[in-house]
Structures are given as C-alpha cells and as structure tokens.
Amino acid sequence: MKAHQTFISLKEIRGFYKQECEDEEKKFSEKEFKAFVGCCEGDFYQWLRDNVKYFYREQTERQQ
C-alpha cells in the first residue's frame, strides 16, 4: 500500500473511510482501514481487467 501507486491518495481514502466510520457510528481502526484499502485495490484491479477486455473487443470491432 504505497501512496504513489494510486490516483487517489491514501490521505483522501483515509478521510473518506473515517467519515464513513463516523456516519455509521463505528470506531476507526487502522487494521480495518488497511483491509478496506486492500479491498478497493482488488476491485480496481478487476475493473481494469474488465475494461481492457472491453477495450480490445471494441478495437477489434472497429478494425473490421
């Protein structure tokens, strides 16, 4: 989990997560925050994979 490896900073993600904890009346936990970031990274990776497949399919169709 390194700040320079994402387009949104960990500071911004932490602020978002802390606000969600407050809204849900849940205590903020650094361990849970790190798990949340890992979950987001996994979702983002899957999103990239799905989009690259779509991109290649669109490129192939345009070339025909």
Protein backbone atom coordinates (compact mmCIF):
# COMPACT_ATOMS: atom_id res chain seq x y z
CA MET A 1 0.00 0.00 0.00
CA LYS A 2 2.02 2.96 -1.30
CA ALA A 3 0.61 6.41 -1.98
CA HIS A 4 2.39 6.81 -5.31
CA GLN A 5 0.76 3.69 -6.74
CA THR A 6 -2.76 5.06 -6.95
CA PHE A 7 -4.52 8.03 -8.46
CA ILE A 8 -6.20 8.88 -5.14
CA SER A 9 -4.06 9.49 -2.11
CA LEU A 10 -4.21 7.38 0.99
CA LYS A 11 -4.90 10.60 2.88
CA GLU A 12 -8.08 11.11 0.84
CA ILE A 13 -9.13 7.47 1.23
CA ARG A 14 -8.48 7.64 4.99
CA GLY A 15 -10.58 10.81 5.26
CA PHE A 16 -13.40 9.14 3.36
CA TYR A 17 -13.19 6.00 5.50
CA LYS A 18 -13.07 7.95 8.77
CA GLN A 19 -16.16 9.90 7.72
CA GLU A 20 -17.95 6.63 6.90
CA CYS A 21 -16.99 5.29 10.34
CA GLU A 22 -18.40 8.42 11.96
CA ASP A 23 -21.60 8.21 9.90
CA GLU A 24 -22.03 4.55 10.88
CA GLU A 25 -21.05 5.25 14.50
CA LYS A 26 -18.21 2.77 14.17
CA LYS A 27 -14.78 3.16 15.76
CA PHE A 28 -12.00 3.81 13.25
CA SER A 29 -9.40 1.03 13.13
CA GLU A 30 -6.12 1.27 11.22
CA LYS A 31 -6.22 -2.50 10.69
CA GLU A 32 -9.71 -2.33 9.17
CA PHE A 33 -8.69 0.70 7.12
CA LYS A 34 -5.81 -1.25 5.60
CA ALA A 35 -8.20 -4.11 4.83
CA PHE A 36 -10.58 -1.63 3.19
CA VAL A 37 -7.76 -0.24 1.02
CA GLY A 38 -6.80 -3.79 0.02
CA CYS A 39 -10.40 -4.48 -0.94
CA CYS A 40 -10.52 -1.29 -3.02
CA GLU A 41 -7.27 -2.22 -4.76
CA GLY A 42 -8.69 -5.64 -5.65
CA ASP A 43 -11.87 -4.09 -7.02
CA PHE A 44 -9.86 -1.56 -9.00
CA TYR A 45 -7.67 -4.29 -10.49
CA GLN A 46 -10.78 -6.25 -11.55
CA TRP A 47 -12.26 -3.08 -13.04
CA LEU A 48 -9.07 -2.55 -15.07
CA ARG A 49 -9.13 -6.15 -16.31
CA ASP A 50 -12.77 -5.87 -17.39
CA ASN A 51 -12.13 -2.58 -19.12
CA VAL A 52 -9.08 -3.77 -21.01
CA LYS A 53 -11.11 -6.73 -22.34
CA TYR A 54 -13.83 -4.31 -23.45
CA PHE A 55 -11.23 -2.01 -25.00
CA TYR A 56 -9.64 -4.82 -27.04
CA ARG A 57 -13.05 -6.04 -28.20
CA GLU A 58 -14.03 -2.53 -29.29
CA GLN A 59 -10.73 -2.05 -31.10
CA THR A 60 -11.19 -5.34 -32.97
CA GLU A 61 -14.74 -4.43 -33.99
CA ARG A 62 -13.64 -1.00 -35.24
CA GLN A 63 -10.94 -2.55 -37.41
CA GLN A 64 -13.41 -4.79 -39.22
